[in-house]
Amino acid sequence: MQLRRSRLRFAEYRQQLRDKRRNGQPHEPGAESGRRGRPRSFWRLFVAFWGMLAGHRAGVVFGLVTLTVATLLALVPPAATKLVIDNVLDGQ
């Protein structure tokens, strides 16, 4: 049922856009809300997101830290291979 309502709203939105184009009014993103340009900065969005993480912050931070460590450890074998090729096999 929710999908049907969403589809109807989208069809109405598209019809409004067509009507605006026929009347010669250009469509401007954000014009419906009265805002123009970039409505929110990265930091405002980040603070809002951080607020939504209440109760889950430790898990998210732990996940990001372990992902960073795993990525760094995955870069060790290619770096070791480069050192071997550059220094040992090159005759230094």
PDB file of N, CA and C in Angstrom:
ATOM      1  N   MET A   1       0.823  -1.189   0.000  1.00  0.00           N
ATOM      2  CA  MET A   1       0.000   0.000   0.000  1.00  0.00           C
ATOM      3  C   MET A   1       0.870   1.257   0.000  1.00  0.00           C
ATOM      4  N   GLN A   2       1.963   1.228   0.764  1.00  0.00           N
ATOM      5  CA  GLN A   2       2.861   2.377   0.835  1.00  0.00           C
ATOM      6  C   GLN A   2       3.499   2.646  -0.521  1.00  0.00           C
ATOM      7  N   LEU A   3       3.841   1.596  -1.246  1.00  0.00           N
ATOM      8  CA  LEU A   3       4.453   1.749  -2.557  1.00  0.00           C
ATOM      9  C   LEU A   3       3.491   2.465  -3.495  1.00  0.00           C
ATOM     10  N   ARG A   4       2.239   2.131  -3.440  1.00  0.00           N
ATOM     11  CA  ARG A   4       1.241   2.745  -4.315  1.00  0.00           C
ATOM     12  C   ARG A   4       1.131   4.238  -4.024  1.00  0.00           C
ATOM     13  N   ARG A   5       1.114   4.619  -2.742  1.00  0.00           N
ATOM     14  CA  ARG A   5       1.028   6.024  -2.383  1.00  0.00           C
ATOM     15  C   ARG A   5       2.260   6.774  -2.876  1.00  0.00           C
ATOM     16  N   SER A   6       3.413   6.162  -2.725  1.00  0.00           N
ATOM     17  CA  SER A   6       4.650   6.784  -3.165  1.00  0.00           C
ATOM     18  C   SER A   6       4.624   6.975  -4.678  1.00  0.00           C
ATOM     19  N   ARG A   7       4.138   5.984  -5.386  1.00  0.00           N
ATOM     20  CA  ARG A   7       4.059   6.067  -6.838  1.00  0.00           C
ATOM     21  C   ARG A   7       3.110   7.189  -7.266  1.00  0.00           C
ATOM     22  N   LEU A   8       1.989   7.322  -6.562  1.00  0.00           N
ATOM     23  CA  LEU A   8       1.045   8.389  -6.882  1.00  0.00           C
ATOM     24  C   LEU A   8       1.643   9.766  -6.608  1.00  0.00           C
ATOM     25  N   ARG A   9       2.351   9.897  -5.491  1.00  0.00           N
ATOM     26  CA  ARG A   9       2.993  11.179  -5.183  1.00  0.00           C
ATOM     27  C   ARG A   9       4.016  11.538  -6.245  1.00  0.00           C
ATOM     28  N   PHE A  10       4.779  10.546  -6.698  1.00  0.00           N
ATOM     29  CA  PHE A  10       5.786  10.796  -7.717  1.00  0.00           C
ATOM     30  C   PHE A  10       5.121  11.184  -9.039  1.00  0.00           C
ATOM     31  N   ALA A  11       4.019  10.532  -9.373  1.00  0.00           N
ATOM     32  CA  ALA A  11       3.302  10.880 -10.603  1.00  0.00           C
ATOM     33  C   ALA A  11       2.771  12.313 -10.522  1.00  0.00           C
ATOM     34  N   GLU A  12       2.269  12.701  -9.354  1.00  0.00           N
ATOM     35  CA  GLU A  12       1.792  14.080  -9.177  1.00  0.00           C
ATOM     36  C   GLU A  12       2.949  15.066  -9.302  1.00  0.00           C
ATOM     37  N   TYR A  13       4.088  14.731  -8.748  1.00  0.00           N
ATOM     38  CA  TYR A  13       5.271  15.584  -8.830  1.00  0.00           C
ATOM     39  C   TYR A  13       5.693  15.771 -10.285  1.00  0.00           C
ATOM     40  N   ARG A  14       5.719  14.681 -11.037  1.00  0.00           N
ATOM     41  CA  ARG A  14       6.097  14.777 -12.445  1.00  0.00           C
ATOM     42  C   ARG A  14       5.099  15.608 -13.233  1.00  0.00           C
ATOM     43  N   GLN A  15       3.818  15.472 -12.908  1.00  0.00           N
ATOM     44  CA  GLN A  15       2.801  16.266 -13.590  1.00  0.00           C
ATOM     45  C   GLN A  15       2.985  17.753 -13.280  1.00  0.00           C
ATOM     46  N   GLN A  16       3.324  18.078 -12.030  1.00  0.00           N
ATOM     47  CA  GLN A  16       3.579  19.476 -11.667  1.00  0.00           C
ATOM     48  C   GLN A  16       4.771  20.023 -12.435  1.00  0.00           C
ATOM     49  N   LEU A  17       5.824  19.226 -12.599  1.00  0.00           N
ATOM     50  CA  LEU A  17       6.983  19.654 -13.378  1.00  0.00           C
ATOM     51  C   LEU A  17       6.610  19.921 -14.830  1.00  0.00           C
ATOM     52  N   ARG A  18       5.807  19.023 -15.408  1.00  0.00           N
ATOM     53  CA  ARG A  18       5.377  19.232 -16.794  1.00  0.00           C
ATOM     54  C   ARG A  18       4.572  20.516 -16.923  1.00  0.00           C
ATOM     55  N   ASP A  19       3.678  20.755 -15.959  1.00  0.00           N
ATOM     56  CA  ASP A  19       2.870  21.975 -15.994  1.00  0.00           C
ATOM     57  C   ASP A  19       3.739  23.216 -15.885  1.00  0.00           C
ATOM     58  N   LYS A  20       4.756  23.182 -15.023  1.00  0.00           N
ATOM     59  CA  LYS A  20       5.657  24.325 -14.889  1.00  0.00           C
ATOM     60  C   LYS A  20       6.404  24.577 -16.187  1.00  0.00           C
ATOM     61  N   ARG A  21       6.847  23.514 -16.841  1.00  0.00           N
ATOM     62  CA  ARG A  21       7.580  23.675 -18.101  1.00  0.00           C
ATOM     63  C   ARG A  21       6.681  24.258 -19.183  1.00  0.00           C
ATOM     64  N   ARG A  22       5.424  23.813 -19.215  1.00  0.00           N
ATOM     65  CA  ARG A  22       4.496  24.347 -20.211  1.00  0.00           C
ATOM     66  C   ARG A  22       4.228  25.828 -19.977  1.00  0.00           C
ATOM     67  N   ASN A  23       4.204  26.249 -18.719  1.00  0.00           N
ATOM     68  CA  ASN A  23       3.942  27.648 -18.389  1.00  0.00           C
ATOM     69  C   ASN A  23       5.199  28.500 -18.483  1.00  0.00           C
ATOM     70  N   GLY A  24       6.336  27.890 -18.782  1.00  0.00           N
ATOM     71  CA  GLY A  24       7.575  28.641 -18.939  1.00  0.00           C
ATOM     72  C   GLY A  24       8.299  28.925 -17.640  1.00  0.00           C
ATOM     73  N   GLN A  25       7.924  28.262 -16.563  1.00  0.00           N
ATOM     74  CA  GLN A  25       8.604  28.451 -15.285  1.00  0.00           C
ATOM     75  C   GLN A  25       9.718  27.424 -15.172  1.00  0.00           C
ATOM     76  N   PRO A  26      10.952  27.878 -14.971  1.00  0.00           N
ATOM     77  CA  PRO A  26      12.046  26.907 -14.820  1.00  0.00           C
ATOM     78  C   PRO A  26      11.949  26.211 -13.464  1.00  0.00           C
ATOM     79  N   HIS A  27      12.342  24.968 -13.448  1.00  0.00           N
ATOM     80  CA  HIS A  27      12.355  24.214 -12.197  1.00  0.00           C
ATOM     81  C   HIS A  27      13.673  24.451 -11.490  1.00  0.00           C
ATOM     82  N   GLU A  28      13.598  24.851 -10.241  1.00  0.00           N
ATOM     83  CA  GLU A  28      14.804  25.058  -9.437  1.00  0.00           C
ATOM     84  C   GLU A  28      14.760  24.117  -8.249  1.00  0.00           C
ATOM     85  N   PRO A  29      15.793  23.282  -8.066  1.00  0.00           N
ATOM     86  CA  PRO A  29      15.815  22.377  -6.915  1.00  0.00           C
ATOM     87  C   PRO A  29      15.750  23.156  -5.616  1.00  0.00           C
ATOM     88  N   GLY A  30      14.914  22.702  -4.711  1.00  0.00           N
ATOM     89  CA  GLY A  30      14.789  23.358  -3.417  1.00  0.00           C
ATOM     90  C   GLY A  30      13.822  24.519  -3.433  1.00  0.00           C
ATOM     91  N   ALA A  31      13.219  24.816  -4.596  1.00  0.00           N
ATOM     92  CA  ALA A  31      12.313  25.962  -4.684  1.00  0.00           C
ATOM     93  C   ALA A  31      11.044  25.705  -3.885  1.00  0.00           C
ATOM     94  N   GLU A  32      10.634  24.431  -3.763  1.00  0.00           N
ATOM     95  CA  GLU A  32       9.419  24.125  -3.014  1.00  0.00           C
ATOM     96  C   GLU A  32       9.573  24.488  -1.544  1.00  0.00           C
ATOM     97  N   SER A  33      10.763  24.310  -1.007  1.00  0.00           N
ATOM     98  CA  SER A  33      10.985  24.582   0.408  1.00  0.00           C
ATOM     99  C   SER A  33      11.422  26.019   0.650  1.00  0.00           C
ATOM    100  N   GLY A  34      11.630  26.783  -0.426  1.00  0.00           N
ATOM    101  CA  GLY A  34      12.036  28.170  -0.263  1.00  0.00           C
ATOM    102  C   GLY A  34      13.535  28.343  -0.089  1.00  0.00           C
ATOM    103  N   ARG A  35      14.298  27.257  -0.162  1.00  0.00           N
ATOM    104  CA  ARG A  35      15.750  27.336   0.007  1.00  0.00           C
ATOM    105  C   ARG A  35      16.426  27.256  -1.342  1.00  0.00           C
ATOM    106  N   ARG A  36      17.565  27.885  -1.435  1.00  0.00           N
ATOM    107  CA  ARG A  36      18.374  27.813  -2.646  1.00  0.00           C
ATOM    108  C   ARG A  36      19.793  27.457  -2.254  1.00  0.00           C
ATOM    109  N   GLY A  37      20.520  26.898  -3.202  1.00  0.00           N
ATOM    110  CA  GLY A  37      21.917  26.574  -2.941  1.00  0.00           C
ATOM    111  C   GLY A  37      22.061  25.370  -2.030  1.00  0.00           C
ATOM    112  N   ARG A  38      23.120  25.384  -1.295  1.00  0.00           N
ATOM    113  CA  ARG A  38      23.446  24.274  -0.407  1.00  0.00           C
ATOM    114  C   ARG A  38      22.748  24.498   0.930  1.00  0.00           C
ATOM    115  N   PRO A  39      21.724  23.717   1.228  1.00  0.00           N
ATOM    116  CA  PRO A  39      20.925  23.994   2.427  1.00  0.00           C
ATOM    117  C   PRO A  39      21.652  23.724   3.743  1.00  0.00           C
ATOM    118  N   ARG A  40      22.478  22.673   3.771  1.00  0.00           N
ATOM    119  CA  ARG A  40      23.178  22.354   5.014  1.00  0.00           C
ATOM    120  C   ARG A  40      24.619  22.004   4.716  1.00  0.00           C
ATOM    121  N   SER A  41      25.498  22.439   5.579  1.00  0.00           N
ATOM    122  CA  SER A  41      26.914  22.145   5.397  1.00  0.00           C
ATOM    123  C   SER A  41      27.201  20.718   5.850  1.00  0.00           C
ATOM    124  N   PHE A  42      28.401  20.269   5.512  1.00  0.00           N
ATOM    125  CA  PHE A  42      28.813  18.931   5.923  1.00  0.00           C
ATOM    126  C   PHE A  42      28.775  18.793   7.441  1.00  0.00           C
ATOM    127  N   TRP A  43      29.270  19.810   8.139  1.00  0.00           N
ATOM    128  CA  TRP A  43      29.362  19.709   9.599  1.00  0.00           C
ATOM    129  C   TRP A  43      27.990  19.659  10.245  1.00  0.00           C
ATOM    130  N   ARG A  44      27.028  20.399   9.729  1.00  0.00           N
ATOM    131  CA  ARG A  44      25.671  20.329  10.291  1.00  0.00           C
ATOM    132  C   ARG A  44      25.086  18.942  10.085  1.00  0.00           C
ATOM    133  N   LEU A  45      25.310  18.370   8.901  1.00  0.00           N
ATOM    134  CA  LEU A  45      24.833  17.013   8.638  1.00  0.00           C
ATOM    135  C   LEU A  45      25.544  15.996   9.514  1.00  0.00           C
ATOM    136  N   PHE A  46      26.859  16.172   9.692  1.00  0.00           N
ATOM    137  CA  PHE A  46      27.619  15.249  10.527  1.00  0.00           C
ATOM    138  C   PHE A  46      27.146  15.295  11.972  1.00  0.00           C
ATOM    139  N   VAL A  47      26.907  16.500  12.494  1.00  0.00           N
ATOM    140  CA  VAL A  47      26.432  16.629  13.877  1.00  0.00           C
ATOM    141  C   VAL A  47      25.058  15.983  14.020  1.00  0.00           C
ATOM    142  N   ALA A  48      24.190  16.167  13.039  1.00  0.00           N
ATOM    143  CA  ALA A  48      22.871  15.531  13.087  1.00  0.00           C
ATOM    144  C   ALA A  48      23.003  14.008  13.049  1.00  0.00           C
ATOM    145  N   PHE A  49      23.886  13.506  12.178  1.00  0.00           N
ATOM    146  CA  PHE A  49      24.113  12.060  12.102  1.00  0.00           C
ATOM    147  C   PHE A  49      24.685  11.525  13.409  1.00  0.00           C
ATOM    148  N   TRP A  50      25.642  12.258  13.975  1.00  0.00           N
ATOM    149  CA  TRP A  50      26.255  11.836  15.234  1.00  0.00           C
ATOM    150  C   TRP A  50      25.192  11.779  16.336  1.00  0.00           C
ATOM    151  N   GLY A  51      24.257  12.701  16.315  1.00  0.00           N
ATOM    152  CA  GLY A  51      23.172  12.679  17.295  1.00  0.00           C
ATOM    153  C   GLY A  51      22.283  11.463  17.138  1.00  0.00           C
ATOM    154  N   MET A  52      22.091  11.016  15.906  1.00  0.00           N
ATOM    155  CA  MET A  52      21.259   9.830  15.664  1.00  0.00           C
ATOM    156  C   MET A  52      21.950   8.544  16.108  1.00  0.00           C
ATOM    157  N   LEU A  53      23.264   8.601  16.272  1.00  0.00           N
ATOM    158  CA  LEU A  53      24.014   7.403  16.661  1.00  0.00           C
ATOM    159  C   LEU A  53      24.006   7.157  18.163  1.00  0.00           C
ATOM    160  N   ALA A  54      23.231   7.904  18.906  1.00  0.00           N
ATOM    161  CA  ALA A  54      23.207   7.745  20.363  1.00  0.00           C
ATOM    162  C   ALA A  54      22.973   6.272  20.714  1.00  0.00           C
ATOM    163  N   GLY A  55      23.845   5.736  21.538  1.00  0.00           N
ATOM    164  CA  GLY A  55      23.742   4.333  21.933  1.00  0.00           C
ATOM    165  C   GLY A  55      24.514   3.384  21.032  1.00  0.00           C
ATOM    166  N   HIS A  56      24.927   3.856  19.867  1.00  0.00           N
ATOM    167  CA  HIS A  56      25.650   3.002  18.915  1.00  0.00           C
ATOM    168  C   HIS A  56      26.996   3.590  18.540  1.00  0.00           C
ATOM    169  N   ARG A  57      27.375   4.692  19.156  1.00  0.00           N
ATOM    170  CA  ARG A  57      28.619   5.370  18.778  1.00  0.00           C
ATOM    171  C   ARG A  57      29.844   4.496  18.982  1.00  0.00           C
ATOM    172  N   ALA A  58      29.908   3.798  20.113  1.00  0.00           N
ATOM    173  CA  ALA A  58      31.077   2.962  20.400  1.00  0.00           C
ATOM    174  C   ALA A  58      31.247   1.884  19.328  1.00  0.00           C
ATOM    175  N   GLY A  59      30.157   1.266  18.923  1.00  0.00           N
ATOM    176  CA  GLY A  59      30.223   0.229  17.893  1.00  0.00           C
ATOM    177  C   GLY A  59      30.661   0.772  16.551  1.00  0.00           C
ATOM    178  N   VAL A  60      30.168   1.951  16.202  1.00  0.00           N
ATOM    179  CA  VAL A  60      30.548   2.554  14.926  1.00  0.00           C
ATOM    180  C   VAL A  60      32.021   2.940  14.937  1.00  0.00           C
ATOM    181  N   VAL A  61      32.472   3.546  16.024  1.00  0.00           N
ATOM    182  CA  VAL A  61      33.880   3.935  16.125  1.00  0.00           C
ATOM    183  C   VAL A  61      34.769   2.694  16.112  1.00  0.00           C
ATOM    184  N   PHE A  62      34.377   1.654  16.842  1.00  0.00           N
ATOM    185  CA  PHE A  62      35.148   0.409  16.851  1.00  0.00           C
ATOM    186  C   PHE A  62      35.224  -0.186  15.448  1.00  0.00           C
ATOM    187  N   GLY A  63      34.117  -0.183  14.735  1.00  0.00           N
ATOM    188  CA  GLY A  63      34.102  -0.709  13.371  1.00  0.00           C
ATOM    189  C   GLY A  63      35.013   0.073  12.441  1.00  0.00           C
ATOM    190  N   LEU A  64      34.991   1.406  12.554  1.00  0.00           N
ATOM    191  CA  LEU A  64      35.851   2.226  11.709  1.00  0.00           C
ATOM    192  C   LEU A  64      37.331   2.029  12.034  1.00  0.00           C
ATOM    193  N   VAL A  65      37.651   1.892  13.316  1.00  0.00           N
ATOM    194  CA  VAL A  65      39.049   1.680  13.711  1.00  0.00           C
ATOM    195  C   VAL A  65      39.543   0.330  13.206  1.00  0.00           C
ATOM    196  N   THR A  66      38.750  -0.720  13.387  1.00  0.00           N
ATOM    197  CA  THR A  66      39.186  -2.045  12.928  1.00  0.00           C
ATOM    198  C   THR A  66      39.269  -2.099  11.404  1.00  0.00           C
ATOM    199  N   LEU A  67      38.383  -1.404  10.708  1.00  0.00           N
ATOM    200  CA  LEU A  67      38.462  -1.351   9.255  1.00  0.00           C
ATOM    201  C   LEU A  67      39.740  -0.655   8.808  1.00  0.00           C
ATOM    202  N   THR A  68      40.112   0.417   9.502  1.00  0.00           N
ATOM    203  CA  THR A  68      41.349   1.129   9.166  1.00  0.00           C
ATOM    204  C   THR A  68      42.565   0.246   9.395  1.00  0.00           C
ATOM    205  N   VAL A  69      42.602  -0.457  10.521  1.00  0.00           N
ATOM    206  CA  VAL A  69      43.736  -1.341  10.815  1.00  0.00           C
ATOM    207  C   VAL A  69      43.807  -2.472   9.788  1.00  0.00           C
ATOM    208  N   ALA A  70      42.664  -3.048   9.445  1.00  0.00           N
ATOM    209  CA  ALA A  70      42.658  -4.136   8.460  1.00  0.00           C
ATOM    210  C   ALA A  70      43.142  -3.657   7.100  1.00  0.00           C
ATOM    211  N   THR A  71      42.751  -2.451   6.720  1.00  0.00           N
ATOM    212  CA  THR A  71      43.200  -1.904   5.434  1.00  0.00           C
ATOM    213  C   THR A  71      44.698  -1.669   5.433  1.00  0.00           C
ATOM    214  N   LEU A  72      45.213  -1.128   6.528  1.00  0.00           N
ATOM    215  CA  LEU A  72      46.658  -0.902   6.620  1.00  0.00           C
ATOM    216  C   LEU A  72      47.431  -2.216   6.587  1.00  0.00           C
ATOM    217  N   LEU A  73      46.912  -3.234   7.278  1.00  0.00           N
ATOM    218  CA  LEU A  73      47.577  -4.540   7.250  1.00  0.00           C
ATOM    219  C   LEU A  73      47.510  -5.171   5.862  1.00  0.00           C
ATOM    220  N   ALA A  74      46.463  -4.917   5.121  1.00  0.00           N
ATOM    221  CA  ALA A  74      46.356  -5.464   3.767  1.00  0.00           C
ATOM    222  C   ALA A  74      47.348  -4.797   2.816  1.00  0.00           C
ATOM    223  N   LEU A  75      47.831  -3.609   3.175  1.00  0.00           N
ATOM    224  CA  LEU A  75      48.799  -2.917   2.328  1.00  0.00           C
ATOM    225  C   LEU A  75      50.243  -3.334   2.607  1.00  0.00           C
ATOM    226  N   VAL A  76      50.470  -4.113   3.655  1.00  0.00           N
ATOM    227  CA  VAL A  76      51.838  -4.531   4.001  1.00  0.00           C
ATOM    228  C   VAL A  76      52.433  -5.473   2.959  1.00  0.00           C
ATOM    229  N   PRO A  77      51.772  -6.527   2.504  1.00  0.00           N
ATOM    230  CA  PRO A  77      52.401  -7.420   1.510  1.00  0.00           C
ATOM    231  C   PRO A  77      52.813  -6.720   0.211  1.00  0.00           C
ATOM    232  N   PRO A  78      51.983  -5.856  -0.384  1.00  0.00           N
ATOM    233  CA  PRO A  78      52.463  -5.170  -1.590  1.00  0.00           C
ATOM    234  C   PRO A  78      53.663  -4.267  -1.312  1.00  0.00           C
ATOM    235  N   ALA A  79      53.694  -3.624  -0.149  1.00  0.00           N
ATOM    236  CA  ALA A  79      54.838  -2.766   0.189  1.00  0.00           C
ATOM    237  C   ALA A  79      56.093  -3.609   0.371  1.00  0.00           C
ATOM    238  N   ALA A  80      55.965  -4.789   0.991  1.00  0.00           N
ATOM    239  CA  ALA A  80      57.115  -5.665   1.169  1.00  0.00           C
ATOM    240  C   ALA A  80      57.630  -6.158  -0.184  1.00  0.00           C
ATOM    241  N   THR A  81      56.729  -6.490  -1.083  1.00  0.00           N
ATOM    242  CA  THR A  81      57.135  -6.929  -2.421  1.00  0.00           C
ATOM    243  C   THR A  81      57.884  -5.813  -3.147  1.00  0.00           C
ATOM    244  N   LYS A  82      57.397  -4.596  -3.017  1.00  0.00           N
ATOM    245  CA  LYS A  82      58.076  -3.457  -3.639  1.00  0.00           C
ATOM    246  C   LYS A  82      59.482  -3.290  -3.079  1.00  0.00           C
ATOM    247  N   LEU A  83      59.629  -3.415  -1.770  1.00  0.00           N
ATOM    248  CA  LEU A  83      60.956  -3.295  -1.169  1.00  0.00           C
ATOM    249  C   LEU A  83      61.898  -4.383  -1.663  1.00  0.00           C
ATOM    250  N   VAL A  84      61.392  -5.602  -1.778  1.00  0.00           N
ATOM    251  CA  VAL A  84      62.230  -6.707  -2.261  1.00  0.00           C
ATOM    252  C   VAL A  84      62.661  -6.451  -3.689  1.00  0.00           C
ATOM    253  N   ILE A  85      61.741  -6.066  -4.526  1.00  0.00           N
ATOM    254  CA  ILE A  85      62.076  -5.837  -5.939  1.00  0.00           C
ATOM    255  C   ILE A  85      63.033  -4.652  -6.082  1.00  0.00           C
ATOM    256  N   ASP A  86      62.762  -3.576  -5.385  1.00  0.00           N
ATOM    257  CA  ASP A  86      63.582  -2.362  -5.533  1.00  0.00           C
ATOM    258  C   ASP A  86      64.977  -2.515  -4.932  1.00  0.00           C
ATOM    259  N   ASN A  87      65.077  -3.163  -3.771  1.00  0.00           N
ATOM    260  CA  ASN A  87      66.349  -3.175  -3.057  1.00  0.00           C
ATOM    261  C   ASN A  87      67.158  -4.457  -3.232  1.00  0.00           C
ATOM    262  N   VAL A  88      66.524  -5.591  -3.217  1.00  0.00           N
ATOM    263  CA  VAL A  88      67.263  -6.858  -3.258  1.00  0.00           C
ATOM    264  C   VAL A  88      67.560  -7.270  -4.688  1.00  0.00           C
ATOM    265  N   LEU A  89      66.552  -7.299  -5.515  1.00  0.00           N
ATOM    266  CA  LEU A  89      66.748  -7.779  -6.864  1.00  0.00           C
ATOM    267  C   LEU A  89      67.431  -6.745  -7.754  1.00  0.00           C
ATOM    268  N   ASP A  90      67.443  -5.513  -7.348  1.00  0.00           N
ATOM    269  CA  ASP A  90      68.060  -4.459  -8.134  1.00  0.00           C
ATOM    270  C   ASP A  90      69.558  -4.362  -7.859  1.00  0.00           C
ATOM    271  N   GLY A  91      70.059  -5.107  -6.885  1.00  0.00           N
ATOM    272  CA  GLY A  91      71.470  -5.161  -6.623  1.00  0.00           C
ATOM    273  C   GLY A  91      71.956  -4.192  -5.566  1.00  0.00           C
ATOM    274  N   GLN A  92      71.098  -3.635  -4.777  1.00  0.00           N
ATOM    275  CA  GLN A  92      71.553  -2.693  -3.737  1.00  0.00           C
ATOM    276  C   GLN A  92      71.781  -3.452  -2.450  1.00  0.00           C
TER     277      GLN A  92
END
